[in-house]
Amino acid sequence: MKFKQVLSTVAISAVTAFAVMWGYGKIMKGSNMYAGQQTSTLPSNYKLAGFNENGLPPGTAVDFTQPSAAALPTVVHIKTKTNAKQVSNNLPRTRQNPFGDFFNDDLFNQFFGGPSYIPEQKASGSGVIISDDGFIVTNNHVVENADEITVTLNNKKTFKAKVIGTDPAYDLAVIKIEAAALPFLLYGNSDNVKVGEWVLAIGYPLNLETTVTAGIVSAKARSLGLNKGTKNNSPVESFIQTDAAVNQGNSGGALINTNGQLIGINSAIASPTGYYSGYSYAIPVNIVKKVVDDLIKYGNVQRGFLGVSTNNTNDITDGQKEQLKLSYNGEGLVITSVAASSAAEDAGLKKGDIIKSVNGVAVTVPSELQELVTRYKPGDKISVVYSRNGKEATVNATLKNKMGNFDIVKVDNAALSKLGAEFTTLDAKKAKEFGVSGGVIVKKITDGALKDQTRMRDGFIILKVNETDVKSKEELSKIIGDAKSITVSGFYPGYDALYDYPVSLENE
């Protein structure tokens, strides 16, 4: 009898192990369809770490050596340099020097006054290689406003990097180095991450060499109010909270599971001193891979919106319950407002409805709903289960963009490259300081029409092109399009004068 029980146990264990390995192999070979990860071959760094062809570690006990060995070659040190810049110090802008075209402005300002300067600044952070041809994901705040980006690999090789795309609303950026046959981290699934499971944080804290720390997931779907919104997008936060030690310089580094898969990008710490005090926060990889994919394919994030404001049912006051005519007290998110002509309104959702789940995933806090919706682009459909007057129903909502339509807005980097410069959208806070509704910053002029045909300088803020308002990099790209010639209008921070720069694009 005992022999039969043992045999039965062994058989069940064998079948379970085979099912897990087969399922993992299917996932690894079939679902990594995000930009840079379309591969059926296990990266060499995993093989060298002892993983089998199905991407499973050799042992069953928790062991940090294999996942560390697989991930270490893929986490890079990012160093940035920001050139000295002219600033207005928030004082009223002085009149532009009328002799600027004849005399050196810097010399003129020494005698007659003018804007002050921010000295050259250097900083460092971390990044994660996510493709064998050199795409790297990091935080937006690591590379934001940098004039020069240098990437050092784990083997000490150094490369200059270029920015592919950034998004402050997600605090994510994609940069690229010119290299081949690089090790890279495979994406995991942050939906499967459970509170209490072991995780490893890898990066370059405090300018040290590669450092690995271990901890557990202590919470999910945390919202801290750290990310910066833009004119077109509100901030997105749904952090994985861990107690793995993370310090300054870890930003942009990897949070991995014990299978050596990327489950998050380390982004922030909770600290009264600026150094690790117990908790760190990572952007879930299911957000990361969607944002990275969009930045590589389109140059910006294609973000879908449902168009609702919500609150946890437990946070609704008795007065609000009466106002919303709410009788249900269970789990879910109460819709407190529905935007006009939004996807939610089109689907029939109303104020007072309680959203229970999206695409089969339960939602209990607003950040969970935001995380789920933000994974989809305009035109995608999501299934929403909701409760109204105690009765449950399901609707399909077709997400829209922020402008209320289904368009995919792509940044045409080819069009922008004709001008020969690096551009970034002027954020809302700076726009308010300058007294404008929006614009595009010319971060760095390289080789192209602006350098060859104008005397434009780095830091110029574009307000109009051909008398059409320009409030984002996407709008600039769209206006330039196939134009043969344009007139770029704008100003320099610290000066009142507006400048017009005529540019021919026919031979660019």
Protein backbone atom coordinates (compact mmCIF):
# COMPACT_ATOMS: atom_id res chain seq x y z
CA MET A 1 0.00 0.00 0.00
CA LYS A 2 2.79 2.38 0.96
CA PHE A 3 4.62 1.53 -2.26
CA LYS A 4 1.52 2.47 -4.31
CA GLN A 5 1.22 5.79 -2.44
CA VAL A 6 4.88 6.60 -3.06
CA LEU A 7 4.57 5.63 -6.71
CA SER A 8 1.45 7.77 -7.06
CA THR A 9 3.21 10.75 -5.45
CA VAL A 10 6.22 10.39 -7.75
CA ALA A 11 3.97 10.14 -10.80
CA ILE A 12 2.01 13.27 -9.85
CA SER A 13 5.23 15.18 -9.18
CA ALA A 14 6.69 14.14 -12.51
CA VAL A 15 3.55 15.14 -14.42
CA THR A 16 3.43 18.49 -12.59
CA ALA A 17 7.09 19.20 -13.29
CA PHE A 18 6.66 18.32 -16.97
CA ALA A 19 3.57 20.54 -17.23
CA VAL A 20 5.38 23.48 -15.63
CA MET A 21 8.43 23.09 -17.88
CA TRP A 22 6.28 22.64 -21.01
CA GLY A 23 4.13 25.63 -20.11
CA TYR A 24 7.13 27.83 -19.38
CA GLY A 25 8.74 26.79 -22.64
CA LYS A 26 5.57 27.66 -24.56
CA ILE A 27 5.39 31.04 -22.84
CA MET A 28 9.05 31.82 -23.50
CA LYS A 29 8.87 30.78 -27.15
CA GLY A 30 5.48 32.21 -28.01
CA SER A 31 4.59 35.28 -26.01
CA ASN A 32 7.71 37.48 -26.01
CA MET A 33 6.53 39.45 -29.02
CA TYR A 34 7.58 42.83 -27.72
CA ALA A 35 10.14 44.84 -29.63
CA GLY A 36 13.62 43.40 -29.25
CA GLN A 37 12.47 40.14 -27.62
CA GLN A 38 11.08 38.15 -30.55
CA THR A 39 13.25 35.10 -29.97
CA SER A 40 12.89 31.39 -29.39
CA THR A 41 16.48 31.01 -28.24
CA LEU A 42 17.48 31.30 -24.61
CA PRO A 43 20.02 34.15 -24.26
CA SER A 44 23.59 33.00 -23.64
CA ASN A 45 23.68 34.66 -20.22
CA TYR A 46 20.97 32.26 -19.00
CA LYS A 47 22.79 29.23 -20.39
CA LEU A 48 26.04 30.27 -18.72
CA ALA A 49 24.13 30.69 -15.44
CA GLY A 50 22.98 27.06 -15.61
CA PHE A 51 19.38 27.44 -16.82
CA ASN A 52 18.03 24.69 -19.08
CA GLU A 53 16.59 25.26 -22.55
CA ASN A 54 13.13 25.90 -21.11
CA GLY A 55 14.48 28.76 -19.02
CA LEU A 56 14.21 26.93 -15.69
CA PRO A 57 16.89 26.93 -13.00
CA PRO A 58 18.56 23.54 -12.30
CA GLY A 59 17.45 23.28 -8.67
CA THR A 60 14.17 23.51 -6.80
CA ALA A 61 15.34 25.29 -3.64
CA VAL A 62 15.50 29.10 -3.52
CA ASP A 63 18.95 30.00 -4.80
CA PHE A 64 20.03 33.52 -5.72
CA THR A 65 23.24 32.57 -7.51
CA GLN A 66 21.68 31.46 -10.82
CA PRO A 67 19.34 34.44 -11.32
CA SER A 68 22.15 36.80 -10.27
CA ALA A 69 24.56 35.24 -12.73
CA ALA A 70 21.99 35.53 -15.53
CA ALA A 71 21.09 39.15 -14.79
CA LEU A 72 24.43 40.72 -13.90
CA PRO A 73 25.73 40.96 -17.51
CA THR A 74 22.53 42.73 -18.56
CA VAL A 75 22.47 45.61 -16.07
CA VAL A 76 24.49 48.64 -17.18
CA HIS A 77 25.92 51.78 -15.60
CA ILE A 78 24.58 54.99 -17.17
CA LYS A 79 26.48 58.25 -16.77
CA THR A 80 25.08 61.54 -18.03
CA LYS A 81 26.42 65.01 -18.61
CA THR A 82 24.30 68.13 -18.89
CA ASN A 83 26.03 71.13 -20.39
CA ALA A 84 26.06 74.53 -18.69
CA LYS A 85 22.83 76.34 -19.50
CA GLN A 86 21.48 79.86 -19.41
CA VAL A 87 18.54 80.40 -17.04
CA SER A 88 16.29 83.26 -16.07
CA ASN A 89 16.14 82.52 -12.32
CA ASN A 90 12.36 83.06 -12.52
CA LEU A 91 12.91 86.82 -12.86
CA PRO A 92 11.06 88.88 -15.48
CA ARG A 93 12.66 88.26 -18.83
CA THR A 94 14.96 91.03 -20.01
CA ARG A 95 14.81 92.52 -23.44
CA GLN A 96 16.78 90.56 -26.00
CA ASN A 97 20.09 92.25 -26.79
CA PRO A 98 19.41 94.06 -30.10
CA PHE A 99 23.09 93.78 -31.01
CA GLY A 100 23.19 90.01 -30.50
CA ASP A 101 23.78 89.38 -34.18
CA PHE A 102 26.85 91.67 -34.15
CA PHE A 103 28.43 91.12 -30.74
CA ASN A 104 29.01 88.16 -28.48
CA ASP A 105 25.99 87.92 -26.13
CA ASP A 106 28.06 86.52 -23.24
CA LEU A 107 30.45 89.49 -23.34
CA PHE A 108 27.55 91.93 -23.67
CA ASN A 109 25.83 90.45 -20.60
CA GLN A 110 28.96 90.81 -18.47
CA PHE A 111 28.64 94.61 -18.85
CA PHE A 112 24.89 95.13 -19.11
CA GLY A 113 23.51 92.22 -17.10
CA GLY A 114 21.45 89.30 -18.27
CA PRO A 115 20.51 85.71 -17.44
CA SER A 116 22.69 83.59 -15.15
CA TYR A 117 24.00 80.11 -15.89
CA ILE A 118 23.68 76.62 -14.43
CA PRO A 119 27.11 74.94 -14.45
CA GLU A 120 27.77 71.60 -16.13
CA GLN A 121 26.18 68.73 -14.24
CA LYS A 122 27.00 65.03 -14.10
CA ALA A 123 24.88 62.18 -12.77
CA SER A 124 24.62 58.42 -12.93
CA GLY A 125 22.05 55.65 -12.79
CA SER A 126 21.39 52.15 -14.05
CA GLY A 127 19.74 50.52 -17.05
CA VAL A 128 18.72 47.09 -18.32
CA ILE A 129 19.56 45.61 -21.72
CA ILE A 130 16.36 44.17 -23.21
CA SER A 131 17.58 43.15 -26.68
CA ASP A 132 20.75 41.70 -28.15
CA ASP A 133 21.15 44.70 -30.51
CA GLY A 134 21.50 47.30 -27.76
CA PHE A 135 18.09 48.61 -26.63
CA ILE A 136 18.22 49.60 -22.96
CA VAL A 137 15.37 50.58 -20.64
CA THR A 138 15.93 53.00 -17.76
CA ASN A 139 14.08 55.73 -15.88
CA ASN A 140 13.21 59.01 -17.59
CA HIS A 141 14.70 60.90 -14.65
CA VAL A 142 18.07 59.20 -15.25
CA VAL A 143 18.50 60.61 -18.77
CA GLU A 144 16.17 63.63 -18.72
CA ASN A 145 17.79 66.77 -20.15
CA ALA A 146 21.15 64.99 -20.60
CA ASP A 147 23.34 66.28 -23.41
CA GLU A 148 25.62 63.25 -23.34
CA ILE A 149 24.89 59.67 -22.24
CA THR A 150 27.58 57.05 -21.66
CA VAL A 151 26.81 53.38 -21.00
CA THR A 152 29.30 51.02 -19.35
CA LEU A 153 28.58 47.31 -19.54
CA ASN A 154 29.32 44.80 -16.82
CA ASN A 155 32.47 43.79 -18.77
CA LYS A 156 33.70 47.43 -18.61
CA LYS A 157 33.12 48.18 -22.31
CA THR A 158 31.84 51.72 -22.80
CA PHE A 159 29.48 53.12 -25.46
CA LYS A 160 27.83 56.42 -26.31
CA ALA A 161 24.05 56.10 -26.22
CA LYS A 162 21.25 57.92 -27.98
CA VAL A 163 17.73 58.46 -26.67
CA ILE A 164 15.04 56.55 -28.56
CA GLY A 165 12.12 57.86 -26.54
CA THR A 166 11.08 59.02 -23.08
CA ASP A 167 7.88 59.46 -21.12
CA PRO A 168 7.84 61.32 -17.78
CA ALA A 169 4.29 60.16 -17.03
CA TYR A 170 5.63 56.61 -16.66
CA ASP A 171 9.17 57.71 -15.68
CA LEU A 172 10.56 55.41 -18.37
CA ALA A 173 13.02 55.89 -21.21
CA VAL A 174 14.60 53.80 -23.93
CA ILE A 175 18.16 54.44 -25.05
CA LYS A 176 20.31 52.52 -27.54
CA ILE A 177 23.95 51.66 -28.01
CA GLU A 178 25.49 50.40 -31.24
CA ALA A 179 26.45 46.85 -30.34
CA ALA A 180 25.50 43.29 -31.25
CA ALA A 181 25.18 39.85 -29.63
CA LEU A 182 24.58 41.40 -26.20
CA PRO A 183 23.18 39.50 -23.23
CA PHE A 184 19.68 40.67 -22.28
CA LEU A 185 17.01 40.07 -19.66
CA LEU A 186 13.83 38.23 -20.54
CA TYR A 187 10.54 39.82 -19.50
CA GLY A 188 8.64 38.14 -16.70
CA ASN A 189 5.00 38.68 -15.76
CA SER A 190 4.42 41.20 -12.97
CA ASP A 191 0.78 40.10 -12.66
CA ASN A 192 2.07 36.82 -11.23
CA VAL A 193 4.24 38.54 -8.62
CA LYS A 194 2.96 37.77 -5.13
CA VAL A 195 3.43 39.60 -1.86
CA GLY A 196 6.06 37.71 0.12
CA GLU A 197 8.02 36.28 -2.82
CA TRP A 198 11.76 36.72 -3.07
CA VAL A 199 13.13 39.32 -5.49
CA LEU A 200 16.57 40.74 -6.33
CA ALA A 201 17.46 44.37 -7.08
CA ILE A 202 20.49 44.93 -9.34
CA GLY A 203 22.14 48.23 -10.20
CA TYR A 204 24.97 50.68 -9.58
CA PRO A 205 24.14 52.42 -6.27
CA LEU A 206 26.29 55.28 -5.01
CA ASN A 207 28.62 54.90 -8.05
CA LEU A 208 29.67 51.43 -6.86
CA GLU A 209 30.20 48.52 -9.21
CA THR A 210 27.27 46.20 -9.95
CA THR A 211 25.45 45.42 -6.71
CA VAL A 212 22.84 42.73 -5.98
CA THR A 213 20.47 42.97 -3.00
CA ALA A 214 17.67 40.62 -1.98
CA GLY A 215 14.29 41.19 -0.39
CA ILE A 216 10.65 40.29 -0.66
CA VAL A 217 7.68 41.93 -2.33
CA SER A 218 5.97 43.79 0.49
CA ALA A 219 3.08 45.37 -1.47
CA LYS A 220 1.75 45.96 -4.96
CA ALA A 221 -0.05 48.78 -6.78
CA ARG A 222 1.52 51.52 -4.66
CA SER A 223 0.95 55.13 -5.80
CA LEU A 224 3.35 57.72 -4.37
CA GLY A 225 2.74 60.84 -6.48
CA LEU A 226 6.31 60.92 -7.79
CA ASN A 227 5.91 60.73 -11.57
CA LYS A 228 5.46 63.93 -13.57
CA GLY A 229 2.47 64.47 -15.77
CA THR A 230 2.64 66.06 -19.21
CA LYS A 231 0.21 68.22 -21.16
CA ASN A 232 -1.23 65.14 -22.84
CA ASN A 233 -0.82 62.49 -20.15
CA SER A 234 -1.42 62.25 -16.41
CA PRO A 235 1.19 60.36 -14.35
CA VAL A 236 1.02 56.57 -14.08
CA GLU A 237 2.04 54.86 -10.86
CA SER A 238 1.41 51.32 -9.67
CA PHE A 239 4.70 50.39 -8.02
CA ILE A 240 5.87 47.02 -6.74
CA GLN A 241 7.07 47.73 -3.18
CA THR A 242 9.99 45.66 -1.87
CA ASP A 243 12.41 45.70 1.04
CA ALA A 244 15.41 45.01 -1.19
CA ALA A 245 18.03 47.68 -0.49
CA VAL A 246 18.03 50.35 -3.22
CA ASN A 247 20.00 53.61 -3.14
CA GLN A 248 20.79 56.58 -5.37
CA GLY A 249 22.18 55.21 -8.61
CA ASN A 250 19.92 52.14 -8.57
CA SER A 251 17.31 54.06 -10.58
CA GLY A 252 16.68 52.29 -13.88
CA GLY A 253 18.13 49.00 -12.65
CA ALA A 254 16.52 45.58 -12.62
CA LEU A 255 14.14 43.96 -10.20
CA ILE A 256 14.14 40.23 -11.00
CA ASN A 257 12.48 37.09 -9.68
CA THR A 258 14.27 33.86 -8.74
CA ASN A 259 13.89 32.63 -12.33
CA GLY A 260 16.11 35.51 -13.46
CA GLN A 261 13.29 37.31 -15.26
CA LEU A 262 12.75 41.07 -15.26
CA ILE A 263 9.65 41.91 -13.21
CA GLY A 264 10.27 45.62 -12.63
CA ILE A 265 12.47 48.68 -13.13
CA ASN A 266 13.71 50.14 -9.84
CA SER A 267 12.58 53.74 -9.69
CA ALA A 268 12.28 55.20 -6.18
CA ILE A 269 12.90 54.80 -2.46
CA ALA A 270 10.92 55.94 0.56
CA SER A 271 13.44 57.75 2.72
CA PRO A 272 13.64 60.82 5.00
CA THR A 273 17.39 61.05 4.31
CA GLY A 274 17.68 60.32 0.58
CA TYR A 275 19.23 56.92 1.31
CA TYR A 276 17.63 53.51 1.73
CA SER A 277 15.47 53.31 4.85
CA GLY A 278 13.48 50.15 4.31
CA TYR A 279 11.32 50.32 1.18
CA SER A 280 11.99 50.65 -2.52
CA TYR A 281 9.66 50.84 -5.50
CA ALA A 282 9.78 49.37 -8.99
CA ILE A 283 7.67 49.96 -12.12
CA PRO A 284 5.95 46.64 -13.00
CA VAL A 285 7.36 44.98 -16.11
CA ASN A 286 3.91 44.61 -17.66
CA ILE A 287 3.83 48.41 -17.88
CA VAL A 288 7.50 48.58 -18.87
CA LYS A 289 7.29 46.25 -21.86
CA LYS A 290 4.28 48.05 -23.32
CA VAL A 291 5.90 51.48 -22.93
CA VAL A 292 9.22 50.25 -24.33
CA ASP A 293 7.48 48.64 -27.28
CA ASP A 294 5.63 51.88 -28.09
CA LEU A 295 8.73 54.07 -27.74
CA ILE A 296 10.67 51.83 -30.13
CA LYS A 297 7.86 51.49 -32.68
CA TYR A 298 6.23 54.91 -32.53
CA GLY A 299 8.64 57.25 -30.72
CA ASN A 300 6.03 57.91 -28.02
CA VAL A 301 3.57 55.99 -25.85
CA GLN A 302 0.20 55.09 -27.37
CA ARG A 303 -1.95 55.34 -24.28
CA GLY A 304 -5.58 54.35 -24.09
CA PHE A 305 -8.02 56.05 -21.72
CA LEU A 306 -11.25 54.71 -20.25
CA GLY A 307 -12.36 58.16 -19.08
CA VAL A 308 -13.45 57.61 -15.48
CA SER A 309 -12.47 58.85 -12.05
CA THR A 310 -12.79 56.24 -9.31
CA ASN A 311 -12.43 55.70 -5.60
CA ASN A 312 -12.19 52.63 -3.40
CA THR A 313 -15.58 51.62 -1.98
CA ASN A 314 -14.09 51.73 1.53
CA ASP A 315 -13.03 55.37 1.03
CA ILE A 316 -16.50 56.59 0.09
CA THR A 317 -18.15 58.66 2.83
CA ASP A 318 -21.77 58.18 3.87
CA GLY A 319 -22.61 61.50 2.21
CA GLN A 320 -21.04 60.38 -1.06
CA LYS A 321 -22.85 57.04 -0.86
CA GLU A 322 -26.14 58.89 -0.52
CA GLN A 323 -25.26 61.25 -3.37
CA LEU A 324 -24.25 58.36 -5.61
CA LYS A 325 -27.23 56.29 -4.43
CA LEU A 326 -24.77 53.56 -3.54
CA SER A 327 -26.02 50.54 -1.63
CA TYR A 328 -23.19 48.08 -2.35
CA ASN A 329 -20.30 47.95 0.14
CA GLY A 330 -18.18 45.15 -1.34
CA GLU A 331 -14.84 45.20 -3.17
CA GLY A 332 -14.39 47.34 -6.23
CA LEU A 333 -13.99 50.90 -7.46
CA VAL A 334 -16.84 53.41 -7.40
CA ILE A 335 -17.03 55.61 -10.50
CA THR A 336 -17.19 59.19 -9.21
CA SER A 337 -17.25 60.84 -12.64
CA VAL A 338 -17.39 59.90 -16.32
CA ALA A 339 -15.77 62.09 -18.97
CA ALA A 340 -18.00 63.23 -21.84
CA SER A 341 -17.58 61.30 -25.13
CA SER A 342 -15.15 58.92 -23.40
CA ALA A 343 -14.82 55.19 -23.88
CA ALA A 344 -16.64 54.68 -20.59
CA GLU A 345 -19.58 56.87 -21.61
CA ASP A 346 -19.79 55.16 -25.00
CA ALA A 347 -19.89 51.78 -23.22
CA GLY A 348 -22.74 52.93 -20.96
CA LEU A 349 -20.84 53.19 -17.68
CA LYS A 350 -22.29 55.75 -15.26
CA LYS A 351 -21.42 57.66 -12.13
CA GLY A 352 -22.11 55.38 -9.15
CA ASP A 353 -21.31 52.14 -10.98
CA ILE A 354 -18.79 49.89 -9.25
CA ILE A 355 -16.04 48.45 -11.44
CA LYS A 356 -15.19 44.94 -10.25
CA SER A 357 -12.64 43.77 -12.83
CA VAL A 358 -10.97 44.56 -16.16
CA ASN A 359 -10.23 41.70 -18.55
CA GLY A 360 -10.79 39.26 -15.71
CA VAL A 361 -8.43 40.96 -13.25
CA ALA A 362 -10.02 42.29 -10.06
CA VAL A 363 -9.45 45.95 -9.15
CA THR A 364 -9.63 47.31 -5.61
CA VAL A 365 -7.58 50.54 -5.77
CA PRO A 366 -7.48 53.21 -8.51
CA SER A 367 -3.80 52.50 -9.31
CA GLU A 368 -4.70 48.91 -10.24
CA LEU A 369 -7.30 50.12 -12.72
CA GLN A 370 -4.87 52.66 -14.14
CA GLU A 371 -2.17 50.02 -14.53
CA LEU A 372 -4.47 47.63 -16.38
CA VAL A 373 -5.91 50.25 -18.74
CA THR A 374 -2.56 51.87 -19.53
CA ARG A 375 -1.30 48.61 -21.05
CA TYR A 376 -3.58 49.16 -24.03
CA LYS A 377 -3.53 51.63 -26.89
CA PRO A 378 -6.35 53.67 -28.47
CA GLY A 379 -8.69 51.39 -30.39
CA ASP A 380 -8.14 48.38 -28.12
CA LYS A 381 -11.18 46.85 -26.43
CA ILE A 382 -11.30 45.89 -22.78
CA SER A 383 -13.93 43.91 -20.89
CA VAL A 384 -15.28 45.66 -17.80
CA VAL A 385 -17.32 43.87 -15.15
CA TYR A 386 -19.32 46.31 -13.05
CA SER A 387 -22.17 46.42 -10.55
CA ARG A 388 -25.17 48.77 -10.72
CA ASN A 389 -27.88 48.73 -8.07
CA GLY A 390 -26.60 45.38 -6.85
CA LYS A 391 -26.78 43.75 -10.30
CA GLU A 392 -23.59 42.69 -12.08
CA ALA A 393 -23.04 43.24 -15.80
CA THR A 394 -20.24 43.17 -18.38
CA VAL A 395 -19.50 45.68 -21.16
CA ASN A 396 -16.77 46.04 -23.76
CA ALA A 397 -15.20 49.50 -23.89
CA THR A 398 -13.10 50.71 -26.84
CA LEU A 399 -10.34 52.90 -25.44
CA LYS A 400 -9.66 56.36 -26.85
CA ASN A 401 -6.63 58.63 -26.77
CA LYS A 402 -6.49 61.81 -24.70
CA MET A 403 -7.96 63.79 -27.59
CA GLY A 404 -11.06 61.58 -27.60
CA ASN A 405 -10.43 59.60 -30.79
CA PHE A 406 -8.81 56.31 -31.78
CA ASP A 407 -5.80 57.70 -33.67
CA ILE A 408 -2.30 56.32 -33.22
CA VAL A 409 0.00 59.36 -33.01
CA LYS A 410 3.52 58.55 -34.14
CA VAL A 411 6.61 60.69 -33.80
CA ASP A 412 8.23 60.74 -37.25
CA ASN A 413 11.89 60.75 -36.29
CA ALA A 414 12.84 60.90 -39.97
CA ALA A 415 11.02 64.22 -40.30
CA LEU A 416 12.63 65.61 -37.16
CA SER A 417 16.07 64.41 -38.24
CA LYS A 418 15.93 66.80 -41.20
CA LEU A 419 16.25 69.67 -38.76
CA GLY A 420 19.25 68.07 -37.10
CA ALA A 421 18.54 68.41 -33.38
CA GLU A 422 17.29 66.59 -30.30
CA PHE A 423 13.84 67.74 -29.20
CA THR A 424 11.75 67.31 -26.07
CA THR A 425 8.27 68.52 -25.15
CA LEU A 426 8.21 71.49 -22.75
CA ASP A 427 6.58 70.24 -19.55
CA ALA A 428 3.52 71.97 -18.14
CA LYS A 429 5.31 73.41 -15.10
CA LYS A 430 8.02 75.08 -17.18
CA ALA A 431 5.47 76.33 -19.70
CA LYS A 432 3.59 78.05 -16.87
CA GLU A 433 6.81 79.65 -15.62
CA PHE A 434 7.51 81.02 -19.09
CA GLY A 435 3.93 82.22 -19.54
CA VAL A 436 3.23 80.05 -22.60
CA SER A 437 0.70 77.30 -23.23
CA GLY A 438 3.29 74.81 -24.46
CA GLY A 439 6.24 74.29 -26.77
CA VAL A 440 9.17 72.11 -27.80
CA ILE A 441 12.70 72.52 -26.47
CA VAL A 442 15.63 72.26 -28.89
CA LYS A 443 17.87 70.32 -26.52
CA LYS A 444 20.90 69.91 -28.73
CA ILE A 445 21.62 71.02 -32.29
CA THR A 446 23.60 68.45 -34.27
CA ASP A 447 24.16 68.24 -38.05
CA GLY A 448 21.32 69.35 -40.28
CA ALA A 449 19.25 72.28 -41.51
CA LEU A 450 19.23 74.24 -38.24
CA LYS A 451 23.00 74.20 -37.96
CA ASP A 452 23.61 74.87 -41.67
CA GLN A 453 21.00 77.58 -42.24
CA THR A 454 20.37 79.36 -38.92
CA ARG A 455 22.08 80.78 -35.86
CA MET A 456 19.74 78.95 -33.50
CA ARG A 457 21.28 77.86 -30.19
CA ASP A 458 20.65 74.95 -27.84
CA GLY A 459 17.80 75.68 -25.44
CA PHE A 460 15.59 77.50 -27.96
CA ILE A 461 11.90 76.89 -27.31
CA ILE A 462 9.74 76.43 -30.40
CA LEU A 463 6.23 77.90 -30.11
CA LYS A 464 5.10 77.88 -33.74
CA VAL A 465 5.99 76.36 -37.09
CA ASN A 466 4.54 78.15 -40.12
CA GLU A 467 2.31 80.13 -37.71
CA THR A 468 0.81 76.90 -36.33
CA ASP A 469 1.07 76.41 -32.57
CA VAL A 470 3.39 73.58 -31.52
CA LYS A 471 2.90 72.17 -28.03
CA SER A 472 4.54 68.73 -28.27
CA LYS A 473 7.21 66.79 -30.08
CA GLU A 474 4.44 64.83 -31.81
CA GLU A 475 2.84 68.02 -33.16
CA LEU A 476 6.24 69.25 -34.38
CA SER A 477 6.80 65.99 -36.22
CA LYS A 478 3.35 66.11 -37.81
CA ILE A 479 3.67 69.72 -38.98
CA ILE A 480 7.09 69.18 -40.54
CA GLY A 481 5.99 66.04 -42.38
CA ASP A 482 6.99 66.38 -46.04
CA ALA A 483 7.21 70.18 -45.99
CA LYS A 484 9.79 71.71 -48.34
CA SER A 485 10.33 74.77 -46.18
CA ILE A 486 9.23 76.00 -42.76
CA THR A 487 9.59 78.99 -40.46
CA VAL A 488 10.34 78.11 -36.86
CA SER A 489 9.26 80.70 -34.26
CA GLY A 490 10.02 80.85 -30.56
CA PHE A 491 12.16 82.33 -27.80
CA TYR A 492 15.18 81.80 -25.58
CA PRO A 493 14.53 81.48 -21.82
CA GLY A 494 15.48 84.75 -20.16
CA TYR A 495 14.65 86.98 -23.12
CA ASP A 496 11.45 88.67 -24.27
CA ALA A 497 12.18 88.73 -27.98
CA LEU A 498 10.61 86.22 -30.37
CA TYR A 499 12.79 84.84 -33.14
CA ASP A 500 11.86 83.51 -36.58
CA TYR A 501 14.16 81.02 -38.32
CA PRO A 502 13.32 80.24 -41.98
CA VAL A 503 14.53 76.73 -42.94
CA SER A 504 14.61 74.94 -46.29
CA LEU A 505 14.22 71.15 -46.07
CA GLU A 506 14.42 70.27 -49.75
CA ASN A 507 18.00 69.02 -49.66
CA GLU A 508 18.01 67.56 -46.17
